[in-house]
Amino acid sequence: MADAPRTFLFVLGSARRGGNTEALARAAADHLDAAGQQWIHLDEVGLPPFTDRRHVGDGRTPFAEGPEKTVQDATLAATDIVIASPLYWYSVSATVKTYLDHWSGWLRVPGLDFKARMAGRRLWGVTVQGDEDPGAAAPLAGTLRLSAEYLKMDWQGVLLGYGSRPGDVDRDERALAAAKTFFAPATETPGILY
């Protein structure tokens, strides 16, 4: 994957279009090649609820179809996956959690080799929170970091902004400044950035 051109999948997990988290993710993406970006808004794509089939029959998950197949294909086509989720109850949104739950099923699809194919890809997070304590986002960051580690992905950290009402993040100068270099090659240990 190191020699392949970088392709970014932005997985938007907000309950509304154009919110603060999406705005911050788009500010960071402004510094990337537009041709190498794909954006999926989970509320609009119609990803079905996840069904755990580990203990049913042979435990295999059937091949994905429809919206699930669209999201699965986009995930496997990307070198970099960016989870853009507002901080909801100190973690990722319900739609992002459903997306990550589908990863569990994709591990059990015969011939998909999901875990092996995800190894070496980069996982990023973008979130905006209303709480002024950056530590409030630690559970969200932990969810993404541990997911990356399990799949042997390269964890790249979280771009953190502040805002509660629509447009608040546009006044968060530190977050917007960090967005300019967020997707540059890492020089430090990944973590919550602000």
N, C-alpha and C. Protein backbone atom coordinates (compact mmCIF):
# COMPACT_ATOMS: atom_id res chain seq x y z
N MET A 1 0.82 -1.19 0.00
CA MET A 1 0.00 0.00 0.00
C MET A 1 0.86 1.26 0.00
N ALA A 2 2.11 1.15 0.43
CA ALA A 2 2.95 2.33 0.54
C ALA A 2 3.19 2.99 -0.80
N ASP A 3 3.24 2.20 -1.90
CA ASP A 3 3.52 2.76 -3.22
C ASP A 3 2.26 3.22 -3.95
N ALA A 4 1.09 2.78 -3.50
CA ALA A 4 -0.16 3.14 -4.18
C ALA A 4 -0.52 4.59 -3.89
N PRO A 5 -1.17 5.26 -4.85
CA PRO A 5 -1.64 6.63 -4.58
C PRO A 5 -2.65 6.58 -3.44
N ARG A 6 -2.63 7.60 -2.62
CA ARG A 6 -3.54 7.63 -1.47
C ARG A 6 -4.95 7.97 -1.93
N THR A 7 -5.89 7.18 -1.42
CA THR A 7 -7.30 7.42 -1.67
C THR A 7 -8.00 7.47 -0.32
N PHE A 8 -8.76 8.51 -0.10
CA PHE A 8 -9.40 8.75 1.18
C PHE A 8 -10.89 8.48 1.11
N LEU A 9 -11.38 7.66 2.04
CA LEU A 9 -12.82 7.48 2.23
C LEU A 9 -13.21 8.25 3.48
N PHE A 10 -14.09 9.22 3.32
CA PHE A 10 -14.61 9.98 4.45
C PHE A 10 -15.97 9.41 4.80
N VAL A 11 -16.06 8.83 5.98
CA VAL A 11 -17.29 8.22 6.47
C VAL A 11 -17.92 9.21 7.44
N LEU A 12 -19.03 9.84 6.99
CA LEU A 12 -19.68 10.88 7.78
C LEU A 12 -20.77 10.25 8.65
N GLY A 13 -20.65 10.46 9.95
CA GLY A 13 -21.57 9.83 10.89
C GLY A 13 -22.44 10.79 11.65
N SER A 14 -22.63 11.98 11.14
CA SER A 14 -23.47 12.96 11.83
C SER A 14 -24.94 12.70 11.54
N ALA A 15 -25.78 13.13 12.46
CA ALA A 15 -27.22 13.00 12.28
C ALA A 15 -27.78 14.10 11.38
N ARG A 16 -26.94 15.05 10.97
CA ARG A 16 -27.40 16.08 10.05
C ARG A 16 -26.30 16.42 9.05
N ARG A 17 -26.70 16.89 7.90
CA ARG A 17 -25.77 17.29 6.84
C ARG A 17 -25.14 18.62 7.19
N GLY A 18 -23.85 18.76 6.83
CA GLY A 18 -23.18 20.05 6.95
C GLY A 18 -22.91 20.52 8.36
N GLY A 19 -22.87 19.60 9.32
CA GLY A 19 -22.62 19.98 10.71
C GLY A 19 -21.16 20.34 10.94
N ASN A 20 -20.84 20.63 12.19
CA ASN A 20 -19.49 21.04 12.55
C ASN A 20 -18.43 19.99 12.22
N THR A 21 -18.73 18.72 12.49
CA THR A 21 -17.74 17.66 12.23
C THR A 21 -17.47 17.53 10.74
N GLU A 22 -18.52 17.55 9.95
CA GLU A 22 -18.33 17.49 8.50
C GLU A 22 -17.55 18.70 8.00
N ALA A 23 -17.85 19.88 8.54
CA ALA A 23 -17.13 21.09 8.13
C ALA A 23 -15.64 20.98 8.45
N LEU A 24 -15.31 20.44 9.62
CA LEU A 24 -13.90 20.28 9.99
C LEU A 24 -13.22 19.24 9.10
N ALA A 25 -13.91 18.15 8.81
CA ALA A 25 -13.35 17.13 7.91
C ALA A 25 -13.10 17.72 6.52
N ARG A 26 -14.03 18.53 6.04
CA ARG A 26 -13.87 19.14 4.72
C ARG A 26 -12.73 20.16 4.72
N ALA A 27 -12.55 20.86 5.84
CA ALA A 27 -11.42 21.79 5.94
C ALA A 27 -10.10 21.04 5.85
N ALA A 28 -10.02 19.87 6.48
CA ALA A 28 -8.80 19.07 6.40
C ALA A 28 -8.62 18.49 4.99
N ALA A 29 -9.73 18.10 4.36
CA ALA A 29 -9.66 17.50 3.02
C ALA A 29 -9.30 18.51 1.95
N ASP A 30 -9.48 19.78 2.23
CA ASP A 30 -9.11 20.83 1.27
C ASP A 30 -7.65 20.74 0.87
N HIS A 31 -6.83 20.10 1.68
CA HIS A 31 -5.39 20.03 1.44
C HIS A 31 -4.99 18.70 0.79
N LEU A 32 -5.99 17.97 0.29
CA LEU A 32 -5.76 16.70 -0.40
C LEU A 32 -6.19 16.82 -1.85
N ASP A 33 -5.74 15.89 -2.67
CA ASP A 33 -6.17 15.81 -4.06
C ASP A 33 -7.65 15.43 -4.08
N ALA A 34 -8.48 16.26 -4.68
CA ALA A 34 -9.93 16.01 -4.71
C ALA A 34 -10.27 14.71 -5.43
N ALA A 35 -9.46 14.32 -6.41
CA ALA A 35 -9.73 13.09 -7.16
C ALA A 35 -9.57 11.85 -6.31
N GLY A 36 -8.82 11.95 -5.23
CA GLY A 36 -8.58 10.80 -4.37
C GLY A 36 -9.49 10.74 -3.16
N GLN A 37 -10.66 11.40 -3.25
CA GLN A 37 -11.58 11.44 -2.12
C GLN A 37 -12.93 10.84 -2.48
N GLN A 38 -13.49 10.09 -1.54
CA GLN A 38 -14.87 9.63 -1.64
C GLN A 38 -15.55 9.94 -0.31
N TRP A 39 -16.75 10.45 -0.38
CA TRP A 39 -17.50 10.83 0.82
C TRP A 39 -18.78 10.01 0.88
N ILE A 40 -19.01 9.38 2.04
CA ILE A 40 -20.24 8.62 2.27
C ILE A 40 -20.88 9.14 3.54
N HIS A 41 -22.11 9.60 3.42
CA HIS A 41 -22.88 10.03 4.59
C HIS A 41 -23.73 8.84 5.01
N LEU A 42 -23.41 8.25 6.15
CA LEU A 42 -24.05 7.01 6.57
C LEU A 42 -25.56 7.13 6.71
N ASP A 43 -26.06 8.30 7.11
CA ASP A 43 -27.51 8.47 7.22
C ASP A 43 -28.20 8.41 5.86
N GLU A 44 -27.48 8.72 4.81
CA GLU A 44 -28.09 8.77 3.49
C GLU A 44 -27.89 7.50 2.67
N VAL A 45 -26.85 6.74 2.97
CA VAL A 45 -26.54 5.56 2.15
C VAL A 45 -27.48 4.39 2.45
N GLY A 46 -28.08 4.36 3.63
CA GLY A 46 -29.02 3.29 3.96
C GLY A 46 -28.36 1.99 4.40
N LEU A 47 -27.22 2.10 5.09
CA LEU A 47 -26.55 0.91 5.62
C LEU A 47 -27.50 0.19 6.56
N PRO A 48 -27.78 -1.09 6.33
CA PRO A 48 -28.74 -1.79 7.18
C PRO A 48 -28.17 -2.06 8.58
N PRO A 49 -29.04 -2.33 9.54
CA PRO A 49 -28.54 -2.71 10.86
C PRO A 49 -27.67 -3.96 10.75
N PHE A 50 -26.72 -4.08 11.66
CA PHE A 50 -25.83 -5.23 11.67
C PHE A 50 -26.52 -6.39 12.37
N THR A 51 -26.38 -7.59 11.79
CA THR A 51 -26.88 -8.82 12.40
C THR A 51 -25.68 -9.73 12.67
N ASP A 52 -25.50 -10.09 13.93
CA ASP A 52 -24.38 -10.96 14.32
C ASP A 52 -24.76 -12.40 14.02
N ARG A 53 -24.01 -13.01 13.11
CA ARG A 53 -24.28 -14.39 12.69
C ARG A 53 -23.20 -15.36 13.15
N ARG A 54 -22.36 -14.94 14.09
CA ARG A 54 -21.24 -15.79 14.50
C ARG A 54 -21.67 -17.15 15.02
N HIS A 55 -22.83 -17.21 15.65
CA HIS A 55 -23.25 -18.46 16.28
C HIS A 55 -24.48 -19.06 15.60
N VAL A 56 -24.65 -18.70 14.32
CA VAL A 56 -25.76 -19.23 13.53
C VAL A 56 -25.16 -20.07 12.40
N GLY A 57 -25.54 -21.32 12.34
CA GLY A 57 -25.02 -22.19 11.28
C GLY A 57 -23.51 -22.29 11.35
N ASP A 58 -22.85 -22.01 10.21
CA ASP A 58 -21.39 -22.10 10.17
C ASP A 58 -20.71 -20.80 10.60
N GLY A 59 -21.50 -19.80 11.00
CA GLY A 59 -20.94 -18.54 11.50
C GLY A 59 -20.47 -17.59 10.42
N ARG A 60 -20.64 -17.97 9.19
CA ARG A 60 -20.20 -17.11 8.08
C ARG A 60 -21.24 -16.03 7.80
N THR A 61 -20.76 -14.92 7.33
CA THR A 61 -21.63 -13.82 6.95
C THR A 61 -21.85 -13.90 5.44
N PRO A 62 -23.10 -13.73 5.00
CA PRO A 62 -23.33 -13.78 3.55
C PRO A 62 -22.68 -12.59 2.85
N PHE A 63 -22.50 -12.72 1.56
CA PHE A 63 -21.92 -11.63 0.78
C PHE A 63 -22.81 -10.40 0.86
N ALA A 64 -22.17 -9.26 0.92
CA ALA A 64 -22.91 -8.00 1.04
C ALA A 64 -23.65 -7.70 -0.25
N GLU A 65 -24.77 -6.99 -0.09
CA GLU A 65 -25.57 -6.54 -1.24
C GLU A 65 -26.02 -5.11 -0.98
N GLY A 66 -26.45 -4.45 -2.04
CA GLY A 66 -27.05 -3.13 -1.92
C GLY A 66 -26.15 -2.12 -1.23
N PRO A 67 -26.72 -1.31 -0.32
CA PRO A 67 -25.94 -0.28 0.37
C PRO A 67 -24.75 -0.83 1.15
N GLU A 68 -24.91 -2.01 1.74
CA GLU A 68 -23.79 -2.60 2.48
C GLU A 68 -22.63 -2.90 1.53
N LYS A 69 -22.92 -3.40 0.37
CA LYS A 69 -21.87 -3.69 -0.63
C LYS A 69 -21.19 -2.40 -1.09
N THR A 70 -21.98 -1.35 -1.27
CA THR A 70 -21.42 -0.05 -1.67
C THR A 70 -20.42 0.44 -0.63
N VAL A 71 -20.79 0.35 0.64
CA VAL A 71 -19.91 0.81 1.72
C VAL A 71 -18.71 -0.12 1.86
N GLN A 72 -18.93 -1.41 1.75
CA GLN A 72 -17.83 -2.38 1.84
C GLN A 72 -16.81 -2.14 0.73
N ASP A 73 -17.29 -1.97 -0.50
CA ASP A 73 -16.38 -1.73 -1.63
C ASP A 73 -15.59 -0.44 -1.44
N ALA A 74 -16.26 0.61 -0.97
CA ALA A 74 -15.56 1.88 -0.74
C ALA A 74 -14.51 1.74 0.35
N THR A 75 -14.82 0.97 1.37
CA THR A 75 -13.88 0.75 2.47
C THR A 75 -12.63 0.03 1.95
N LEU A 76 -12.83 -1.01 1.19
CA LEU A 76 -11.70 -1.80 0.70
C LEU A 76 -10.91 -1.10 -0.41
N ALA A 77 -11.51 -0.10 -1.05
CA ALA A 77 -10.81 0.63 -2.11
C ALA A 77 -9.93 1.75 -1.56
N ALA A 78 -10.12 2.14 -0.31
CA ALA A 78 -9.42 3.28 0.26
C ALA A 78 -8.11 2.88 0.92
N THR A 79 -7.10 3.74 0.78
CA THR A 79 -5.86 3.55 1.54
C THR A 79 -6.00 4.19 2.92
N ASP A 80 -6.86 5.21 3.00
CA ASP A 80 -7.06 5.98 4.22
C ASP A 80 -8.56 6.09 4.50
N ILE A 81 -8.96 5.70 5.69
CA ILE A 81 -10.36 5.79 6.08
C ILE A 81 -10.46 6.82 7.19
N VAL A 82 -11.33 7.81 6.97
CA VAL A 82 -11.52 8.90 7.92
C VAL A 82 -12.92 8.78 8.50
N ILE A 83 -12.99 8.50 9.79
CA ILE A 83 -14.28 8.45 10.48
C ILE A 83 -14.55 9.85 11.01
N ALA A 84 -15.56 10.50 10.46
CA ALA A 84 -15.94 11.85 10.89
C ALA A 84 -17.25 11.73 11.66
N SER A 85 -17.12 11.68 12.98
CA SER A 85 -18.29 11.49 13.84
C SER A 85 -18.30 12.54 14.93
N PRO A 86 -19.43 13.22 15.10
CA PRO A 86 -19.53 14.09 16.28
C PRO A 86 -19.39 13.24 17.54
N LEU A 87 -19.01 13.87 18.61
CA LEU A 87 -18.93 13.18 19.89
C LEU A 87 -20.35 13.08 20.46
N TYR A 88 -20.92 11.88 20.40
CA TYR A 88 -22.25 11.63 20.94
C TYR A 88 -22.09 10.75 22.17
N TRP A 89 -22.47 11.25 23.31
CA TRP A 89 -22.35 10.50 24.56
C TRP A 89 -20.96 9.90 24.71
N TYR A 90 -19.95 10.70 24.41
CA TYR A 90 -18.54 10.37 24.63
C TYR A 90 -18.01 9.28 23.71
N SER A 91 -18.71 9.01 22.63
CA SER A 91 -18.24 8.00 21.69
C SER A 91 -18.68 8.37 20.28
N VAL A 92 -18.53 7.42 19.36
CA VAL A 92 -18.95 7.64 17.99
C VAL A 92 -20.47 7.61 17.89
N SER A 93 -21.00 8.13 16.81
CA SER A 93 -22.44 8.14 16.59
C SER A 93 -22.95 6.71 16.36
N ALA A 94 -24.25 6.54 16.43
CA ALA A 94 -24.86 5.23 16.23
C ALA A 94 -24.59 4.70 14.82
N THR A 95 -24.62 5.59 13.82
CA THR A 95 -24.38 5.13 12.45
C THR A 95 -22.94 4.68 12.25
N VAL A 96 -22.00 5.36 12.89
CA VAL A 96 -20.59 4.92 12.81
C VAL A 96 -20.42 3.59 13.54
N LYS A 97 -21.07 3.44 14.68
CA LYS A 97 -20.99 2.17 15.41
C LYS A 97 -21.54 1.03 14.54
N THR A 98 -22.64 1.28 13.84
CA THR A 98 -23.18 0.26 12.94
C THR A 98 -22.18 -0.08 11.84
N TYR A 99 -21.54 0.95 11.28
CA TYR A 99 -20.51 0.73 10.25
C TYR A 99 -19.39 -0.15 10.80
N LEU A 100 -18.90 0.16 11.99
CA LEU A 100 -17.83 -0.64 12.59
C LEU A 100 -18.32 -2.05 12.92
N ASP A 101 -19.58 -2.17 13.34
CA ASP A 101 -20.13 -3.51 13.58
C ASP A 101 -20.13 -4.35 12.31
N HIS A 102 -20.39 -3.72 11.18
CA HIS A 102 -20.34 -4.45 9.91
C HIS A 102 -18.94 -4.98 9.64
N TRP A 103 -17.92 -4.28 10.12
CA TRP A 103 -16.56 -4.81 9.97
C TRP A 103 -16.48 -6.21 10.59
N SER A 104 -17.16 -6.39 11.73
CA SER A 104 -17.16 -7.72 12.39
C SER A 104 -17.72 -8.78 11.47
N GLY A 105 -18.80 -8.45 10.77
CA GLY A 105 -19.37 -9.40 9.83
C GLY A 105 -18.48 -9.63 8.63
N TRP A 106 -17.85 -8.56 8.14
CA TRP A 106 -17.00 -8.70 6.95
C TRP A 106 -15.78 -9.58 7.23
N LEU A 107 -15.42 -9.71 8.49
CA LEU A 107 -14.33 -10.63 8.84
C LEU A 107 -14.69 -12.08 8.55
N ARG A 108 -15.98 -12.36 8.46
CA ARG A 108 -16.46 -13.73 8.31
C ARG A 108 -17.07 -14.01 6.94
N VAL A 109 -16.85 -13.13 5.98
CA VAL A 109 -17.33 -13.36 4.62
C VAL A 109 -16.30 -14.24 3.91
N PRO A 110 -16.71 -15.42 3.44
CA PRO A 110 -15.76 -16.32 2.78
C PRO A 110 -15.06 -15.64 1.59
N GLY A 111 -13.72 -15.71 1.60
CA GLY A 111 -12.94 -15.18 0.49
C GLY A 111 -12.72 -13.68 0.48
N LEU A 112 -13.36 -12.93 1.37
CA LEU A 112 -13.19 -11.47 1.36
C LEU A 112 -11.84 -11.07 1.94
N ASP A 113 -11.33 -11.86 2.90
CA ASP A 113 -10.04 -11.58 3.54
C ASP A 113 -9.97 -10.16 4.09
N PHE A 114 -11.04 -9.75 4.75
CA PHE A 114 -11.17 -8.37 5.21
C PHE A 114 -10.03 -7.95 6.13
N LYS A 115 -9.70 -8.79 7.10
CA LYS A 115 -8.65 -8.41 8.05
C LYS A 115 -7.30 -8.24 7.35
N ALA A 116 -6.95 -9.17 6.49
CA ALA A 116 -5.68 -9.08 5.78
C ALA A 116 -5.65 -7.87 4.85
N ARG A 117 -6.78 -7.57 4.22
CA ARG A 117 -6.82 -6.45 3.28
C ARG A 117 -6.82 -5.10 3.99
N MET A 118 -7.28 -5.05 5.22
CA MET A 118 -7.29 -3.79 5.97
C MET A 118 -5.93 -3.48 6.59
N ALA A 119 -5.12 -4.49 6.80
CA ALA A 119 -3.80 -4.30 7.41
C ALA A 119 -2.98 -3.30 6.59
N GLY A 120 -2.38 -2.35 7.29
CA GLY A 120 -1.53 -1.36 6.64
C GLY A 120 -2.26 -0.12 6.15
N ARG A 121 -3.58 -0.17 6.10
CA ARG A 121 -4.33 1.05 5.73
C ARG A 121 -4.28 2.00 6.93
N ARG A 122 -4.56 3.26 6.68
CA ARG A 122 -4.54 4.25 7.75
C ARG A 122 -5.97 4.58 8.19
N LEU A 123 -6.15 4.70 9.51
CA LEU A 123 -7.44 5.08 10.07
C LEU A 123 -7.28 6.40 10.81
N TRP A 124 -8.16 7.34 10.50
CA TRP A 124 -8.15 8.68 11.07
C TRP A 124 -9.50 8.96 11.72
N GLY A 125 -9.54 9.90 12.65
CA GLY A 125 -10.79 10.35 13.22
C GLY A 125 -10.89 11.87 13.15
N VAL A 126 -12.10 12.35 12.96
CA VAL A 126 -12.40 13.78 13.05
C VAL A 126 -13.65 13.90 13.89
N THR A 127 -13.58 14.76 14.91
CA THR A 127 -14.76 14.97 15.75
C THR A 127 -14.81 16.40 16.24
N VAL A 128 -16.02 16.82 16.53
CA VAL A 128 -16.25 18.12 17.16
C VAL A 128 -17.13 17.85 18.38
N GLN A 129 -16.77 18.50 19.46
CA GLN A 129 -17.50 18.31 20.71
C GLN A 129 -17.84 19.65 21.32
N GLY A 130 -18.85 19.66 22.17
CA GLY A 130 -19.24 20.87 22.88
C GLY A 130 -18.49 21.04 24.18
N ASP A 131 -18.00 19.96 24.74
CA ASP A 131 -17.26 19.98 26.01
C ASP A 131 -15.88 20.57 25.77
N GLU A 132 -15.45 21.48 26.64
CA GLU A 132 -14.14 22.11 26.46
C GLU A 132 -12.98 21.27 26.95
N ASP A 133 -13.27 20.14 27.58
CA ASP A 133 -12.22 19.23 28.05
C ASP A 133 -11.86 18.28 26.91
N PRO A 134 -10.64 18.37 26.36
CA PRO A 134 -10.29 17.47 25.26
C PRO A 134 -10.36 16.00 25.65
N GLY A 135 -10.24 15.71 26.94
CA GLY A 135 -10.32 14.33 27.40
C GLY A 135 -11.69 13.70 27.20
N ALA A 136 -12.71 14.51 26.97
CA ALA A 136 -14.04 13.97 26.75
C ALA A 136 -14.09 13.12 25.48
N ALA A 137 -13.20 13.38 24.54
CA ALA A 137 -13.17 12.62 23.29
C ALA A 137 -12.33 11.35 23.40
N ALA A 138 -11.73 11.09 24.54
CA ALA A 138 -10.86 9.92 24.69
C ALA A 138 -11.59 8.60 24.40
N PRO A 139 -12.85 8.41 24.83
CA PRO A 139 -13.51 7.13 24.48
C PRO A 139 -13.71 6.96 22.98
N LEU A 140 -14.05 8.04 22.27
CA LEU A 140 -14.18 7.97 20.81
C LEU A 140 -12.85 7.60 20.19
N ALA A 141 -11.79 8.28 20.61
CA ALA A 141 -10.46 7.98 20.08
C ALA A 141 -10.06 6.54 20.40
N GLY A 142 -10.40 6.08 21.59
CA GLY A 142 -10.08 4.71 21.99
C GLY A 142 -10.79 3.68 21.12
N THR A 143 -12.05 3.92 20.81
CA THR A 143 -12.81 3.02 19.94
C THR A 143 -12.12 2.87 18.60
N LEU A 144 -11.73 4.00 18.01
CA LEU A 144 -11.10 3.97 16.69
C LEU A 144 -9.69 3.38 16.76
N ARG A 145 -8.93 3.78 17.76
CA ARG A 145 -7.55 3.28 17.89
C ARG A 145 -7.53 1.77 18.07
N LEU A 146 -8.36 1.25 18.96
CA LEU A 146 -8.38 -0.19 19.21
C LEU A 146 -8.89 -0.96 17.99
N SER A 147 -9.83 -0.39 17.25
CA SER A 147 -10.30 -1.03 16.02
C SER A 147 -9.17 -1.11 15.01
N ALA A 148 -8.41 -0.02 14.90
CA ALA A 148 -7.26 0.00 13.99
C ALA A 148 -6.23 -1.04 14.41
N GLU A 149 -5.93 -1.10 15.68
CA GLU A 149 -4.93 -2.05 16.16
C GLU A 149 -5.36 -3.48 15.89
N TYR A 150 -6.64 -3.79 16.10
CA TYR A 150 -7.13 -5.15 15.88
C TYR A 150 -6.93 -5.58 14.43
N LEU A 151 -7.15 -4.64 13.51
CA LEU A 151 -7.02 -4.97 12.09
C LEU A 151 -5.63 -4.68 11.54
N LYS A 152 -4.70 -4.33 12.42
CA LYS A 152 -3.32 -4.02 12.03
C LYS A 152 -3.25 -2.84 11.05
N MET A 153 -4.17 -1.89 11.26
CA MET A 153 -4.17 -0.65 10.50
C MET A 153 -3.24 0.33 11.20
N ASP A 154 -2.85 1.37 10.51
CA ASP A 154 -2.01 2.42 11.11
C ASP A 154 -2.92 3.51 11.66
N TRP A 155 -2.94 3.63 12.98
CA TRP A 155 -3.78 4.63 13.64
C TRP A 155 -3.11 5.99 13.54
N GLN A 156 -3.87 7.00 13.06
CA GLN A 156 -3.31 8.31 12.79
C GLN A 156 -3.80 9.41 13.72
N GLY A 157 -4.74 9.10 14.60
CA GLY A 157 -5.19 10.09 15.58
C GLY A 157 -6.49 10.76 15.21
N VAL A 158 -6.88 11.71 16.06
CA VAL A 158 -8.16 12.40 15.93
C VAL A 158 -7.91 13.90 15.81
N LEU A 159 -8.54 14.50 14.83
CA LEU A 159 -8.58 15.95 14.71
C LEU A 159 -9.79 16.42 15.51
N LEU A 160 -9.55 17.22 16.52
CA LEU A 160 -10.59 17.60 17.48
C LEU A 160 -10.92 19.07 17.37
N GLY A 161 -12.20 19.36 17.23
CA GLY A 161 -12.67 20.74 17.22
C GLY A 161 -13.74 20.95 18.27
N TYR A 162 -14.04 22.21 18.52
CA TYR A 162 -15.06 22.55 19.50
C TYR A 162 -16.20 23.28 18.82
N GLY A 163 -17.40 22.95 19.25
CA GLY A 163 -18.58 23.61 18.73
C GLY A 163 -19.83 22.87 19.16
N SER A 164 -20.90 23.61 19.32
CA SER A 164 -22.17 23.01 19.69
C SER A 164 -23.24 23.39 18.66
N ARG A 165 -23.33 24.67 18.38
CA ARG A 165 -24.31 25.14 17.41
C ARG A 165 -23.72 25.11 16.01
N PRO A 166 -24.57 25.00 14.99
CA PRO A 166 -24.07 24.99 13.61
C PRO A 166 -23.13 26.17 13.33
N GLY A 167 -21.99 25.87 12.72
CA GLY A 167 -21.03 26.89 12.35
C GLY A 167 -20.02 27.24 13.42
N ASP A 168 -20.17 26.71 14.63
CA ASP A 168 -19.25 27.05 15.72
C ASP A 168 -17.80 26.70 15.38
N VAL A 169 -17.58 25.56 14.71
CA VAL A 169 -16.22 25.12 14.44
C VAL A 169 -15.49 26.10 13.50
N ASP A 170 -16.25 26.88 12.73
CA ASP A 170 -15.63 27.85 11.83
C ASP A 170 -14.89 28.95 12.59
N ARG A 171 -15.16 29.06 13.88
CA ARG A 171 -14.48 30.05 14.73
C ARG A 171 -13.39 29.41 15.60
N ASP A 172 -13.19 28.10 15.44
CA ASP A 172 -12.18 27.39 16.23
C ASP A 172 -10.86 27.46 15.47
N GLU A 173 -10.10 28.51 15.71
CA GLU A 173 -8.87 28.76 14.95
C GLU A 173 -7.84 27.66 15.12
N ARG A 174 -7.72 27.11 16.33
CA ARG A 174 -6.74 26.04 16.54
C ARG A 174 -7.08 24.79 15.75
N ALA A 175 -8.36 24.42 15.75
CA ALA A 175 -8.77 23.23 14.99
C ALA A 175 -8.58 23.44 13.49
N LEU A 176 -8.91 24.61 12.99
CA LEU A 176 -8.75 24.89 11.56
C LEU A 176 -7.28 24.92 11.16
N ALA A 177 -6.44 25.42 12.04
CA ALA A 177 -4.99 25.41 11.76
C ALA A 177 -4.47 23.98 11.74
N ALA A 178 -4.92 23.14 12.69
CA ALA A 178 -4.49 21.74 12.72
C ALA A 178 -5.00 20.98 11.51
N ALA A 179 -6.17 21.38 10.99
CA ALA A 179 -6.75 20.71 9.82
C ALA A 179 -5.85 20.84 8.60
N LYS A 180 -5.11 21.93 8.51
CA LYS A 180 -4.27 22.18 7.33
C LYS A 180 -3.18 21.14 7.16
N THR A 181 -2.72 20.55 8.25
CA THR A 181 -1.63 19.58 8.17
C THR A 181 -2.02 18.20 8.71
N PHE A 182 -3.29 18.01 9.00
CA PHE A 182 -3.72 16.78 9.66
C PHE A 182 -3.37 15.54 8.84
N PHE A 183 -3.54 15.60 7.53
CA PHE A 183 -3.30 14.42 6.69
C PHE A 183 -1.88 14.35 6.16
N ALA A 184 -1.01 15.23 6.62
CA ALA A 184 0.40 15.16 6.24
C ALA A 184 1.03 13.95 6.93
N PRO A 185 2.16 13.46 6.42
CA PRO A 185 2.81 12.33 7.10
C PRO A 185 3.06 12.64 8.57
N ALA A 186 2.75 11.67 9.41
CA ALA A 186 2.88 11.86 10.86
C ALA A 186 4.34 12.01 11.27
N THR A 187 4.58 12.91 12.21
CA THR A 187 5.92 13.08 12.74
C THR A 187 5.97 12.75 14.23
N GLU A 188 4.79 12.58 14.82
CA GLU A 188 4.71 12.27 16.24
C GLU A 188 3.79 11.06 16.44
N THR A 189 3.73 10.63 17.68
CA THR A 189 2.80 9.56 18.01
C THR A 189 1.39 10.06 17.82
N PRO A 190 0.53 9.29 17.12
CA PRO A 190 -0.84 9.75 16.92
C PRO A 190 -1.57 9.92 18.24
N GLY A 191 -2.54 10.76 18.23
CA GLY A 191 -3.36 10.98 19.41
C GLY A 191 -4.35 12.06 19.14
N ILE A 192 -5.02 12.51 20.16
CA ILE A 192 -5.98 13.59 19.98
C ILE A 192 -5.22 14.85 19.67
N LEU A 193 -5.55 15.48 18.57
CA LEU A 193 -4.89 16.70 18.15
C LEU A 193 -5.82 17.88 18.39
N TYR A 194 -5.25 18.98 18.80
CA TYR A 194 -6.04 20.21 18.92
C TYR A 194 -5.13 21.41 18.88
